[in-house]
Amino acid sequence: MAVVASGLYHGVNPGMGWPLAVSAGLMERSTRALWAALLPLWLGHLLAMLAIIFPFAVLFALVAWQRQIQIGASLLVIGFGIFRLVNRRHPRALARIRPTQLGLWSFVVAIAHGAGLMLVPIYLGLCQSADLDKGHAATAALINANMGMAVLVSFIHSAAMIAAGGLSAWLVFRYFGLKLVSRSWFNLDAIWATSLIVVGTVALSIGLAGKI
């Protein structure tokens, strides 16, 4: 539920790119162009989630350090949330990406906003401990299990994200129009940064309590 909820939250946020899908639909005057633009946005977001979660999948195989890894990841999320709250400027690299490179743009913006970091504490909570006495065999099995969980979490999250973003784009394109968006534009940067801090704090409290 947390993976899906965070995906829906990311999708509704215009900063994750659904206005670009609206723009594509308006330029081509076609709903098909709108849906076509969502595919690279989804792929870019998915790759960003995998790029962030995969290293933790390998680290979490170090069963003896599970608690420390979870605490460290929680502090990382909290720290990045505070950074985003203080510094809300968008990276200049985003301005250098051409509008036609939607997949690359989606990947970079998801990394820059810490979208993948928000998933890390949730992902670590879904992983299970292994028997320390099984040695290398247990470690290999745990890595494989964690990699599978990383892919599953990333796919479910990205699917929920693009579903929410696609619905928002379609409603604006089909019914509301750009005038409504320009008049009622909502910026979720502060809420986004705060939510990172909240997620990290909850995960930190669980980690300190000794629960994985």
N, C-alpha and C. Protein backbone atom coordinates (compact mmCIF):
# COMPACT_ATOMS: atom_id res chain seq x y z
N MET A 1 0.82 -1.21 0.00
CA MET A 1 0.00 0.00 0.00
C MET A 1 0.86 1.26 0.00
N ALA A 2 1.96 1.23 0.76
CA ALA A 2 2.85 2.38 0.80
C ALA A 2 3.52 2.61 -0.55
N VAL A 3 3.90 1.52 -1.24
CA VAL A 3 4.53 1.63 -2.55
C VAL A 3 3.56 2.25 -3.55
N VAL A 4 2.30 1.77 -3.54
CA VAL A 4 1.28 2.30 -4.45
C VAL A 4 0.95 3.75 -4.11
N ALA A 5 0.79 4.04 -2.82
CA ALA A 5 0.44 5.40 -2.40
C ALA A 5 1.53 6.40 -2.79
N SER A 6 2.79 6.02 -2.61
CA SER A 6 3.88 6.93 -3.00
C SER A 6 3.92 7.11 -4.51
N GLY A 7 3.56 6.06 -5.25
CA GLY A 7 3.50 6.17 -6.71
C GLY A 7 2.40 7.11 -7.16
N LEU A 8 1.23 7.00 -6.56
CA LEU A 8 0.12 7.91 -6.89
C LEU A 8 0.49 9.35 -6.54
N TYR A 9 1.16 9.51 -5.41
CA TYR A 9 1.60 10.84 -4.98
C TYR A 9 2.59 11.44 -5.98
N HIS A 10 3.54 10.63 -6.42
CA HIS A 10 4.50 11.10 -7.42
C HIS A 10 3.80 11.44 -8.73
N GLY A 11 2.83 10.62 -9.12
CA GLY A 11 2.16 10.83 -10.40
C GLY A 11 1.36 12.11 -10.45
N VAL A 12 0.65 12.43 -9.36
CA VAL A 12 -0.16 13.65 -9.31
C VAL A 12 0.72 14.89 -9.31
N ASN A 13 1.92 14.79 -8.75
CA ASN A 13 2.84 15.92 -8.71
C ASN A 13 3.21 16.34 -10.13
N PRO A 14 2.87 17.56 -10.55
CA PRO A 14 3.22 18.00 -11.91
C PRO A 14 4.72 18.03 -12.16
N GLY A 15 5.51 18.09 -11.10
CA GLY A 15 6.96 18.09 -11.26
C GLY A 15 7.50 16.80 -11.83
N MET A 16 6.73 15.71 -11.80
CA MET A 16 7.16 14.44 -12.36
C MET A 16 6.86 14.31 -13.85
N GLY A 17 6.22 15.33 -14.45
CA GLY A 17 6.20 15.36 -15.91
C GLY A 17 4.89 15.25 -16.64
N TRP A 18 3.74 15.04 -15.96
CA TRP A 18 2.52 14.86 -16.74
C TRP A 18 2.14 16.09 -17.57
N PRO A 19 2.52 17.34 -17.18
CA PRO A 19 2.23 18.46 -18.08
C PRO A 19 2.93 18.33 -19.43
N LEU A 20 4.07 17.63 -19.48
CA LEU A 20 4.74 17.41 -20.76
C LEU A 20 3.92 16.51 -21.67
N ALA A 21 3.19 15.57 -21.08
CA ALA A 21 2.30 14.73 -21.87
C ALA A 21 1.14 15.54 -22.43
N VAL A 22 0.63 16.47 -21.61
CA VAL A 22 -0.42 17.37 -22.08
C VAL A 22 0.09 18.21 -23.24
N SER A 23 1.31 18.71 -23.12
CA SER A 23 1.91 19.52 -24.18
C SER A 23 2.05 18.73 -25.47
N ALA A 24 2.47 17.47 -25.35
CA ALA A 24 2.60 16.62 -26.55
C ALA A 24 1.25 16.41 -27.22
N GLY A 25 0.21 16.20 -26.40
CA GLY A 25 -1.13 16.01 -26.95
C GLY A 25 -1.65 17.25 -27.64
N LEU A 26 -1.39 18.42 -27.06
CA LEU A 26 -1.86 19.67 -27.64
C LEU A 26 -1.12 20.00 -28.94
N MET A 27 0.19 19.74 -28.97
CA MET A 27 0.96 20.03 -30.18
C MET A 27 0.53 19.15 -31.34
N GLU A 28 0.24 17.89 -31.05
CA GLU A 28 -0.19 16.97 -32.10
C GLU A 28 -1.70 16.96 -32.29
N ARG A 29 -2.39 17.63 -31.34
CA ARG A 29 -3.85 17.63 -31.35
C ARG A 29 -4.40 16.20 -31.39
N SER A 30 -3.81 15.38 -30.55
CA SER A 30 -4.16 13.97 -30.54
C SER A 30 -4.00 13.38 -29.15
N THR A 31 -5.01 12.63 -28.72
CA THR A 31 -4.91 11.93 -27.44
C THR A 31 -3.86 10.85 -27.52
N ARG A 32 -3.68 10.28 -28.72
CA ARG A 32 -2.67 9.23 -28.90
C ARG A 32 -1.27 9.76 -28.59
N ALA A 33 -0.99 10.99 -28.98
CA ALA A 33 0.31 11.59 -28.69
C ALA A 33 0.52 11.76 -27.19
N LEU A 34 -0.56 12.07 -26.49
CA LEU A 34 -0.49 12.20 -25.03
C LEU A 34 -0.09 10.88 -24.40
N TRP A 35 -0.79 9.80 -24.80
CA TRP A 35 -0.48 8.49 -24.22
C TRP A 35 0.92 8.04 -24.62
N ALA A 36 1.34 8.37 -25.85
CA ALA A 36 2.69 7.98 -26.30
C ALA A 36 3.76 8.67 -25.47
N ALA A 37 3.51 9.90 -25.04
CA ALA A 37 4.49 10.63 -24.23
C ALA A 37 4.62 10.04 -22.83
N LEU A 38 3.60 9.34 -22.36
CA LEU A 38 3.64 8.77 -21.02
C LEU A 38 4.62 7.60 -20.92
N LEU A 39 4.84 6.89 -22.03
CA LEU A 39 5.72 5.72 -22.01
C LEU A 39 7.16 6.09 -21.63
N PRO A 40 7.80 7.05 -22.31
CA PRO A 40 9.16 7.41 -21.89
C PRO A 40 9.21 8.03 -20.49
N LEU A 41 8.15 8.73 -20.09
CA LEU A 41 8.11 9.27 -18.73
C LEU A 41 8.10 8.13 -17.72
N TRP A 42 7.34 7.08 -18.02
CA TRP A 42 7.28 5.92 -17.13
C TRP A 42 8.61 5.18 -17.08
N LEU A 43 9.22 4.97 -18.25
CA LEU A 43 10.49 4.25 -18.31
C LEU A 43 11.58 5.01 -17.56
N GLY A 44 11.62 6.32 -17.74
CA GLY A 44 12.62 7.11 -17.04
C GLY A 44 12.46 7.03 -15.53
N HIS A 45 11.21 7.11 -15.07
CA HIS A 45 10.94 7.03 -13.63
C HIS A 45 11.29 5.65 -13.09
N LEU A 46 10.94 4.61 -13.86
CA LEU A 46 11.24 3.23 -13.44
C LEU A 46 12.74 3.02 -13.31
N LEU A 47 13.51 3.47 -14.29
CA LEU A 47 14.96 3.30 -14.24
C LEU A 47 15.57 4.06 -13.08
N ALA A 48 15.00 5.22 -12.76
CA ALA A 48 15.50 6.00 -11.62
C ALA A 48 15.25 5.24 -10.31
N MET A 49 14.07 4.60 -10.19
CA MET A 49 13.77 3.83 -8.98
C MET A 49 14.74 2.66 -8.84
N LEU A 50 14.99 1.95 -9.94
CA LEU A 50 15.89 0.81 -9.91
C LEU A 50 17.32 1.24 -9.58
N ALA A 51 17.74 2.37 -10.14
CA ALA A 51 19.11 2.85 -9.91
C ALA A 51 19.34 3.18 -8.44
N ILE A 52 18.30 3.64 -7.76
CA ILE A 52 18.44 3.98 -6.34
C ILE A 52 18.32 2.75 -5.45
N ILE A 53 17.39 1.85 -5.77
CA ILE A 53 17.09 0.72 -4.89
C ILE A 53 18.09 -0.42 -5.03
N PHE A 54 18.59 -0.68 -6.24
CA PHE A 54 19.49 -1.82 -6.46
C PHE A 54 20.71 -1.84 -5.54
N PRO A 55 21.40 -0.72 -5.34
CA PRO A 55 22.55 -0.77 -4.42
C PRO A 55 22.16 -1.19 -3.01
N PHE A 56 20.98 -0.76 -2.56
CA PHE A 56 20.53 -1.16 -1.23
C PHE A 56 20.16 -2.65 -1.19
N ALA A 57 19.74 -3.19 -2.34
CA ALA A 57 19.42 -4.61 -2.41
C ALA A 57 20.66 -5.45 -2.14
N VAL A 58 21.79 -5.02 -2.67
CA VAL A 58 23.05 -5.72 -2.43
C VAL A 58 23.53 -5.50 -1.00
N LEU A 59 23.45 -4.25 -0.54
CA LEU A 59 23.90 -3.95 0.82
C LEU A 59 23.10 -4.71 1.87
N PHE A 60 21.80 -4.87 1.60
CA PHE A 60 20.95 -5.49 2.61
C PHE A 60 21.22 -6.99 2.76
N ALA A 61 22.02 -7.54 1.81
CA ALA A 61 22.42 -8.94 1.94
C ALA A 61 23.40 -9.12 3.09
N LEU A 62 24.01 -8.04 3.54
CA LEU A 62 24.88 -8.11 4.71
C LEU A 62 23.99 -8.16 5.95
N VAL A 63 23.50 -9.35 6.24
CA VAL A 63 22.46 -9.52 7.25
C VAL A 63 22.87 -8.97 8.61
N ALA A 64 24.14 -9.11 8.94
CA ALA A 64 24.59 -8.66 10.26
C ALA A 64 24.50 -7.14 10.40
N TRP A 65 24.41 -6.44 9.27
CA TRP A 65 24.38 -4.98 9.29
C TRP A 65 23.02 -4.44 8.86
N GLN A 66 21.98 -5.25 8.88
CA GLN A 66 20.67 -4.83 8.41
C GLN A 66 20.16 -3.60 9.15
N ARG A 67 20.26 -3.64 10.45
CA ARG A 67 19.74 -2.52 11.26
C ARG A 67 20.51 -1.23 10.97
N GLN A 68 21.84 -1.34 10.90
CA GLN A 68 22.66 -0.17 10.62
C GLN A 68 22.37 0.41 9.23
N ILE A 69 22.17 -0.48 8.25
CA ILE A 69 21.87 -0.04 6.89
C ILE A 69 20.53 0.69 6.86
N GLN A 70 19.54 0.14 7.57
CA GLN A 70 18.22 0.78 7.60
C GLN A 70 18.28 2.15 8.28
N ILE A 71 19.04 2.23 9.37
CA ILE A 71 19.19 3.52 10.06
C ILE A 71 19.92 4.52 9.17
N GLY A 72 20.98 4.06 8.51
CA GLY A 72 21.73 4.93 7.62
C GLY A 72 20.88 5.43 6.46
N ALA A 73 20.07 4.52 5.88
CA ALA A 73 19.19 4.92 4.79
C ALA A 73 18.15 5.92 5.25
N SER A 74 17.64 5.73 6.46
CA SER A 74 16.65 6.66 7.01
C SER A 74 17.25 8.05 7.20
N LEU A 75 18.46 8.11 7.71
CA LEU A 75 19.14 9.40 7.90
C LEU A 75 19.41 10.06 6.55
N LEU A 76 19.72 9.26 5.54
CA LEU A 76 19.95 9.79 4.19
C LEU A 76 18.68 10.44 3.64
N VAL A 77 17.54 9.76 3.82
CA VAL A 77 16.26 10.28 3.35
C VAL A 77 15.91 11.58 4.09
N ILE A 78 16.09 11.58 5.41
CA ILE A 78 15.80 12.78 6.20
C ILE A 78 16.68 13.94 5.76
N GLY A 79 17.97 13.66 5.58
CA GLY A 79 18.90 14.70 5.17
C GLY A 79 18.56 15.29 3.81
N PHE A 80 18.19 14.41 2.87
CA PHE A 80 17.84 14.91 1.54
C PHE A 80 16.54 15.71 1.60
N GLY A 81 15.60 15.27 2.45
CA GLY A 81 14.35 16.02 2.61
C GLY A 81 14.60 17.42 3.15
N ILE A 82 15.50 17.54 4.13
CA ILE A 82 15.85 18.86 4.67
C ILE A 82 16.51 19.71 3.60
N PHE A 83 17.39 19.09 2.80
CA PHE A 83 18.06 19.81 1.72
C PHE A 83 17.05 20.34 0.71
N ARG A 84 16.06 19.51 0.33
CA ARG A 84 15.04 19.94 -0.63
C ARG A 84 14.15 21.03 -0.05
N LEU A 85 13.95 20.98 1.27
CA LEU A 85 13.12 21.99 1.93
C LEU A 85 13.83 23.34 1.95
N VAL A 86 15.14 23.32 2.13
CA VAL A 86 15.92 24.56 2.19
C VAL A 86 16.25 25.07 0.79
N ASN A 87 16.65 24.16 -0.09
CA ASN A 87 17.04 24.54 -1.45
C ASN A 87 16.04 23.96 -2.44
N ARG A 88 15.10 24.77 -2.91
CA ARG A 88 14.04 24.29 -3.80
C ARG A 88 14.31 24.58 -5.27
N ARG A 89 15.51 25.07 -5.58
CA ARG A 89 15.84 25.35 -6.97
C ARG A 89 16.02 24.05 -7.74
N HIS A 90 15.54 24.02 -8.96
CA HIS A 90 15.68 22.85 -9.81
C HIS A 90 17.08 22.82 -10.43
N PRO A 91 17.66 21.64 -10.56
CA PRO A 91 19.00 21.54 -11.15
C PRO A 91 19.04 22.13 -12.56
N ARG A 92 20.13 22.83 -12.88
CA ARG A 92 20.25 23.44 -14.20
C ARG A 92 20.32 22.40 -15.31
N ALA A 93 20.73 21.18 -14.96
CA ALA A 93 20.84 20.12 -15.97
C ALA A 93 19.49 19.83 -16.63
N LEU A 94 18.40 20.05 -15.88
CA LEU A 94 17.07 19.78 -16.44
C LEU A 94 16.77 20.71 -17.61
N ALA A 95 17.28 21.93 -17.56
CA ALA A 95 17.01 22.90 -18.61
C ALA A 95 17.77 22.57 -19.90
N ARG A 96 18.78 21.72 -19.80
CA ARG A 96 19.59 21.39 -20.96
C ARG A 96 19.07 20.15 -21.70
N ILE A 97 18.04 19.51 -21.16
CA ILE A 97 17.48 18.32 -21.80
C ILE A 97 16.38 18.74 -22.76
N ARG A 98 16.48 18.31 -24.01
CA ARG A 98 15.51 18.69 -25.01
C ARG A 98 14.14 18.10 -24.71
N PRO A 99 13.06 18.79 -25.10
CA PRO A 99 11.70 18.30 -24.85
C PRO A 99 11.42 16.92 -25.44
N THR A 100 12.16 16.55 -26.50
CA THR A 100 11.93 15.25 -27.13
C THR A 100 12.54 14.09 -26.33
N GLN A 101 13.40 14.41 -25.38
CA GLN A 101 14.06 13.37 -24.60
C GLN A 101 13.32 13.17 -23.27
N LEU A 102 12.07 12.74 -23.37
CA LEU A 102 11.21 12.61 -22.19
C LEU A 102 11.73 11.55 -21.22
N GLY A 103 12.22 10.44 -21.76
CA GLY A 103 12.71 9.38 -20.88
C GLY A 103 13.89 9.84 -20.04
N LEU A 104 14.85 10.51 -20.69
CA LEU A 104 16.01 11.03 -19.97
C LEU A 104 15.59 12.08 -18.97
N TRP A 105 14.66 12.95 -19.36
CA TRP A 105 14.19 14.00 -18.45
C TRP A 105 13.53 13.38 -17.22
N SER A 106 12.68 12.38 -17.43
CA SER A 106 11.98 11.73 -16.33
C SER A 106 12.97 11.07 -15.37
N PHE A 107 14.01 10.44 -15.92
CA PHE A 107 15.03 9.80 -15.09
C PHE A 107 15.77 10.82 -14.23
N VAL A 108 16.21 11.90 -14.86
CA VAL A 108 16.99 12.91 -14.15
C VAL A 108 16.15 13.61 -13.08
N VAL A 109 14.90 13.96 -13.41
CA VAL A 109 14.07 14.69 -12.45
C VAL A 109 13.71 13.81 -11.25
N ALA A 110 13.52 12.50 -11.48
CA ALA A 110 13.22 11.60 -10.37
C ALA A 110 14.41 11.46 -9.44
N ILE A 111 15.62 11.42 -10.02
CA ILE A 111 16.83 11.37 -9.19
C ILE A 111 17.01 12.67 -8.42
N ALA A 112 16.82 13.80 -9.14
CA ALA A 112 17.05 15.11 -8.53
C ALA A 112 16.08 15.40 -7.39
N HIS A 113 14.84 14.91 -7.50
CA HIS A 113 13.84 15.16 -6.48
C HIS A 113 13.86 14.13 -5.35
N GLY A 114 14.69 13.10 -5.49
CA GLY A 114 14.76 12.08 -4.45
C GLY A 114 13.58 11.14 -4.44
N ALA A 115 12.95 10.95 -5.61
CA ALA A 115 11.78 10.07 -5.68
C ALA A 115 12.14 8.64 -5.27
N GLY A 116 13.31 8.17 -5.73
CA GLY A 116 13.73 6.82 -5.38
C GLY A 116 14.06 6.67 -3.90
N LEU A 117 14.63 7.73 -3.32
CA LEU A 117 14.98 7.67 -1.90
C LEU A 117 13.76 7.45 -1.02
N MET A 118 12.61 8.00 -1.44
CA MET A 118 11.40 7.83 -0.66
C MET A 118 11.00 6.35 -0.59
N LEU A 119 11.36 5.58 -1.62
CA LEU A 119 11.02 4.16 -1.65
C LEU A 119 11.96 3.29 -0.82
N VAL A 120 13.17 3.78 -0.57
CA VAL A 120 14.17 2.95 0.09
C VAL A 120 13.73 2.41 1.45
N PRO A 121 13.26 3.26 2.38
CA PRO A 121 12.82 2.72 3.68
C PRO A 121 11.67 1.72 3.54
N ILE A 122 10.75 1.97 2.61
CA ILE A 122 9.64 1.03 2.38
C ILE A 122 10.18 -0.29 1.87
N TYR A 123 11.10 -0.22 0.91
CA TYR A 123 11.69 -1.43 0.34
C TYR A 123 12.43 -2.24 1.39
N LEU A 124 13.25 -1.57 2.20
CA LEU A 124 14.01 -2.27 3.22
C LEU A 124 13.10 -2.96 4.22
N GLY A 125 11.94 -2.36 4.48
CA GLY A 125 10.99 -2.98 5.40
C GLY A 125 10.34 -4.23 4.85
N LEU A 126 10.35 -4.37 3.51
CA LEU A 126 9.75 -5.55 2.88
C LEU A 126 10.72 -6.71 2.78
N CYS A 127 12.02 -6.44 2.94
CA CYS A 127 13.03 -7.50 2.86
C CYS A 127 13.08 -8.28 4.16
N GLN A 128 13.44 -9.54 4.05
CA GLN A 128 13.46 -10.42 5.21
C GLN A 128 14.89 -10.79 5.58
N SER A 129 15.08 -11.16 6.82
CA SER A 129 16.40 -11.59 7.29
C SER A 129 16.69 -13.01 6.82
N ALA A 130 17.95 -13.36 6.82
CA ALA A 130 18.36 -14.72 6.45
C ALA A 130 19.15 -15.32 7.60
N ASP A 131 19.32 -16.64 7.55
CA ASP A 131 20.07 -17.34 8.59
C ASP A 131 21.56 -17.08 8.40
N LEU A 132 22.19 -16.48 9.41
CA LEU A 132 23.60 -16.14 9.30
C LEU A 132 24.48 -17.37 9.15
N ASP A 133 24.03 -18.53 9.64
CA ASP A 133 24.85 -19.74 9.63
C ASP A 133 24.94 -20.37 8.24
N LYS A 134 24.13 -19.93 7.30
CA LYS A 134 24.14 -20.54 5.97
C LYS A 134 25.22 -19.95 5.07
N GLY A 135 25.93 -18.96 5.55
CA GLY A 135 27.09 -18.45 4.84
C GLY A 135 26.79 -17.88 3.47
N HIS A 136 27.66 -18.22 2.51
CA HIS A 136 27.58 -17.64 1.18
C HIS A 136 26.29 -18.03 0.46
N ALA A 137 25.80 -19.23 0.69
CA ALA A 137 24.56 -19.67 0.04
C ALA A 137 23.40 -18.78 0.46
N ALA A 138 23.34 -18.46 1.76
CA ALA A 138 22.28 -17.59 2.26
C ALA A 138 22.41 -16.19 1.68
N THR A 139 23.64 -15.72 1.60
CA THR A 139 23.87 -14.38 1.06
C THR A 139 23.44 -14.29 -0.40
N ALA A 140 23.80 -15.30 -1.20
CA ALA A 140 23.41 -15.32 -2.61
C ALA A 140 21.89 -15.37 -2.77
N ALA A 141 21.25 -16.21 -1.95
CA ALA A 141 19.80 -16.33 -2.02
C ALA A 141 19.12 -15.02 -1.63
N LEU A 142 19.69 -14.36 -0.61
CA LEU A 142 19.11 -13.11 -0.14
C LEU A 142 19.27 -12.00 -1.18
N ILE A 143 20.43 -11.98 -1.85
CA ILE A 143 20.64 -10.98 -2.90
C ILE A 143 19.62 -11.18 -4.02
N ASN A 144 19.42 -12.43 -4.43
CA ASN A 144 18.44 -12.72 -5.49
C ASN A 144 17.04 -12.31 -5.06
N ALA A 145 16.68 -12.62 -3.82
CA ALA A 145 15.36 -12.27 -3.31
C ALA A 145 15.19 -10.76 -3.24
N ASN A 146 16.24 -10.09 -2.78
CA ASN A 146 16.17 -8.64 -2.66
C ASN A 146 16.12 -7.96 -4.02
N MET A 147 16.84 -8.50 -5.01
CA MET A 147 16.79 -7.95 -6.35
C MET A 147 15.39 -8.09 -6.93
N GLY A 148 14.78 -9.27 -6.69
CA GLY A 148 13.41 -9.47 -7.17
C GLY A 148 12.44 -8.51 -6.51
N MET A 149 12.62 -8.29 -5.21
CA MET A 149 11.76 -7.35 -4.50
C MET A 149 11.99 -5.93 -5.00
N ALA A 150 13.25 -5.58 -5.31
CA ALA A 150 13.57 -4.25 -5.82
C ALA A 150 12.86 -4.00 -7.15
N VAL A 151 12.88 -5.00 -8.03
CA VAL A 151 12.20 -4.87 -9.33
C VAL A 151 10.69 -4.75 -9.13
N LEU A 152 10.14 -5.59 -8.24
CA LEU A 152 8.69 -5.57 -8.00
C LEU A 152 8.25 -4.23 -7.43
N VAL A 153 8.97 -3.73 -6.43
CA VAL A 153 8.64 -2.44 -5.82
C VAL A 153 8.72 -1.31 -6.85
N SER A 154 9.77 -1.32 -7.67
CA SER A 154 9.96 -0.28 -8.67
C SER A 154 8.85 -0.31 -9.72
N PHE A 155 8.48 -1.51 -10.17
CA PHE A 155 7.44 -1.64 -11.19
C PHE A 155 6.08 -1.19 -10.65
N ILE A 156 5.73 -1.64 -9.45
CA ILE A 156 4.43 -1.28 -8.87
C ILE A 156 4.35 0.22 -8.63
N HIS A 157 5.42 0.77 -8.07
CA HIS A 157 5.46 2.21 -7.80
C HIS A 157 5.34 3.01 -9.10
N SER A 158 6.13 2.64 -10.11
CA SER A 158 6.13 3.38 -11.38
C SER A 158 4.79 3.24 -12.10
N ALA A 159 4.16 2.06 -12.00
CA ALA A 159 2.85 1.87 -12.62
C ALA A 159 1.81 2.77 -11.97
N ALA A 160 1.84 2.86 -10.64
CA ALA A 160 0.90 3.74 -9.94
C ALA A 160 1.19 5.20 -10.28
N MET A 161 2.47 5.54 -10.40
CA MET A 161 2.87 6.91 -10.72
C MET A 161 2.35 7.33 -12.09
N ILE A 162 2.56 6.48 -13.10
CA ILE A 162 2.16 6.86 -14.46
C ILE A 162 0.65 6.80 -14.62
N ALA A 163 -0.03 5.96 -13.83
CA ALA A 163 -1.49 5.91 -13.88
C ALA A 163 -2.08 7.23 -13.36
N ALA A 164 -1.56 7.70 -12.23
CA ALA A 164 -2.04 8.97 -11.67
C ALA A 164 -1.66 10.14 -12.56
N GLY A 165 -0.42 10.14 -13.06
CA GLY A 165 0.02 11.22 -13.93
C GLY A 165 -0.73 11.21 -15.26
N GLY A 166 -0.96 10.02 -15.80
CA GLY A 166 -1.69 9.91 -17.07
C GLY A 166 -3.13 10.38 -16.94
N LEU A 167 -3.75 10.03 -15.83
CA LEU A 167 -5.13 10.48 -15.60
C LEU A 167 -5.18 12.00 -15.47
N SER A 168 -4.22 12.57 -14.75
CA SER A 168 -4.17 14.03 -14.60
C SER A 168 -3.97 14.70 -15.96
N ALA A 169 -3.07 14.16 -16.76
CA ALA A 169 -2.79 14.73 -18.08
C ALA A 169 -4.02 14.64 -18.98
N TRP A 170 -4.69 13.51 -18.95
CA TRP A 170 -5.86 13.30 -19.81
C TRP A 170 -7.01 14.23 -19.42
N LEU A 171 -7.23 14.40 -18.11
CA LEU A 171 -8.30 15.29 -17.65
C LEU A 171 -8.04 16.74 -18.07
N VAL A 172 -6.78 17.16 -17.94
CA VAL A 172 -6.43 18.53 -18.35
C VAL A 172 -6.58 18.69 -19.86
N PHE A 173 -6.09 17.70 -20.61
CA PHE A 173 -6.15 17.76 -22.07
C PHE A 173 -7.58 17.70 -22.58
N ARG A 174 -8.38 16.83 -21.97
CA ARG A 174 -9.72 16.57 -22.50
C ARG A 174 -10.78 17.54 -21.97
N TYR A 175 -10.68 17.93 -20.71
CA TYR A 175 -11.77 18.69 -20.09
C TYR A 175 -11.35 20.05 -19.54
N PHE A 176 -10.30 20.10 -18.72
CA PHE A 176 -10.00 21.31 -17.97
C PHE A 176 -9.29 22.37 -18.79
N GLY A 177 -8.33 21.98 -19.63
CA GLY A 177 -7.59 22.94 -20.43
C GLY A 177 -6.46 23.58 -19.66
N LEU A 178 -5.54 24.21 -20.39
CA LEU A 178 -4.35 24.80 -19.78
C LEU A 178 -4.67 26.03 -18.93
N LYS A 179 -5.77 26.71 -19.22
CA LYS A 179 -6.11 27.89 -18.44
C LYS A 179 -6.34 27.53 -16.98
N LEU A 180 -7.02 26.42 -16.75
CA LEU A 180 -7.26 25.99 -15.38
C LEU A 180 -5.95 25.66 -14.68
N VAL A 181 -5.04 25.01 -15.40
CA VAL A 181 -3.76 24.64 -14.81
C VAL A 181 -2.95 25.88 -14.45
N SER A 182 -2.95 26.88 -15.36
CA SER A 182 -2.18 28.10 -15.11
C SER A 182 -2.75 28.91 -13.95
N ARG A 183 -4.07 28.83 -13.78
CA ARG A 183 -4.70 29.59 -12.70
C ARG A 183 -4.61 28.88 -11.35
N SER A 184 -4.61 27.57 -11.38
CA SER A 184 -4.62 26.80 -10.12
C SER A 184 -3.40 25.91 -10.00
N TRP A 185 -2.28 26.38 -10.54
CA TRP A 185 -1.06 25.57 -10.49
C TRP A 185 -0.65 25.31 -9.04
N PHE A 186 -0.38 24.07 -8.75
CA PHE A 186 -0.01 23.72 -7.38
C PHE A 186 1.42 23.20 -7.37
N ASN A 187 2.18 23.71 -6.44
CA ASN A 187 3.57 23.33 -6.29
C ASN A 187 3.72 22.47 -5.04
N LEU A 188 4.18 21.25 -5.22
CA LEU A 188 4.27 20.31 -4.11
C LEU A 188 5.69 20.19 -3.55
N ASP A 189 6.58 21.12 -3.89
CA ASP A 189 7.97 20.99 -3.45
C ASP A 189 8.09 20.93 -1.94
N ALA A 190 7.40 21.83 -1.24
CA ALA A 190 7.50 21.85 0.22
C ALA A 190 6.89 20.58 0.82
N ILE A 191 5.74 20.17 0.28
CA ILE A 191 5.10 18.94 0.77
C ILE A 191 5.98 17.74 0.46
N TRP A 192 6.60 17.76 -0.72
CA TRP A 192 7.49 16.67 -1.14
C TRP A 192 8.65 16.53 -0.15
N ALA A 193 9.31 17.64 0.15
CA ALA A 193 10.45 17.61 1.06
C ALA A 193 10.03 17.16 2.46
N THR A 194 8.87 17.65 2.90
CA THR A 194 8.37 17.28 4.22
C THR A 194 8.05 15.79 4.29
N SER A 195 7.48 15.26 3.20
CA SER A 195 7.13 13.84 3.18
C SER A 195 8.38 12.97 3.23
N LEU A 196 9.47 13.42 2.58
CA LEU A 196 10.73 12.69 2.68
C LEU A 196 11.21 12.62 4.12
N ILE A 197 11.11 13.74 4.82
CA ILE A 197 11.53 13.79 6.22
C ILE A 197 10.65 12.88 7.08
N VAL A 198 9.34 12.89 6.82
CA VAL A 198 8.42 12.06 7.60
C VAL A 198 8.70 10.58 7.37
N VAL A 199 8.85 10.19 6.10
CA VAL A 199 9.13 8.78 5.78
C VAL A 199 10.44 8.34 6.42
N GLY A 200 11.47 9.18 6.31
CA GLY A 200 12.75 8.85 6.91
C GLY A 200 12.69 8.74 8.42
N THR A 201 11.91 9.63 9.04
CA THR A 201 11.79 9.63 10.50
C THR A 201 11.08 8.37 11.00
N VAL A 202 10.01 7.98 10.30
CA VAL A 202 9.28 6.76 10.66
C VAL A 202 10.20 5.54 10.53
N ALA A 203 10.94 5.47 9.41
CA ALA A 203 11.85 4.34 9.21
C ALA A 203 12.96 4.34 10.24
N LEU A 204 13.45 5.52 10.61
CA LEU A 204 14.50 5.61 11.62
C LEU A 204 14.03 5.12 12.97
N SER A 205 12.80 5.51 13.34
CA SER A 205 12.26 5.06 14.62
C SER A 205 12.09 3.56 14.67
N ILE A 206 11.69 2.95 13.52
CA ILE A 206 11.54 1.50 13.46
C ILE A 206 12.90 0.83 13.56
N GLY A 207 13.91 1.41 12.84
CA GLY A 207 15.24 0.86 12.88
C GLY A 207 15.85 0.92 14.27
N LEU A 208 15.65 2.02 14.96
CA LEU A 208 16.19 2.18 16.31
C LEU A 208 15.51 1.24 17.30
N ALA A 209 14.26 0.88 16.99
CA ALA A 209 13.53 -0.05 17.84
C ALA A 209 13.98 -1.49 17.60
N GLY A 210 14.83 -1.68 16.57
CA GLY A 210 15.36 -3.01 16.31
C GLY A 210 14.49 -3.85 15.43
N LYS A 211 13.49 -3.23 14.73
CA LYS A 211 12.58 -3.97 13.86
C LYS A 211 13.02 -3.77 12.41
N ILE A 212 13.01 -4.85 11.62
CA ILE A 212 13.38 -4.78 10.21
C ILE A 212 12.14 -5.03 9.37
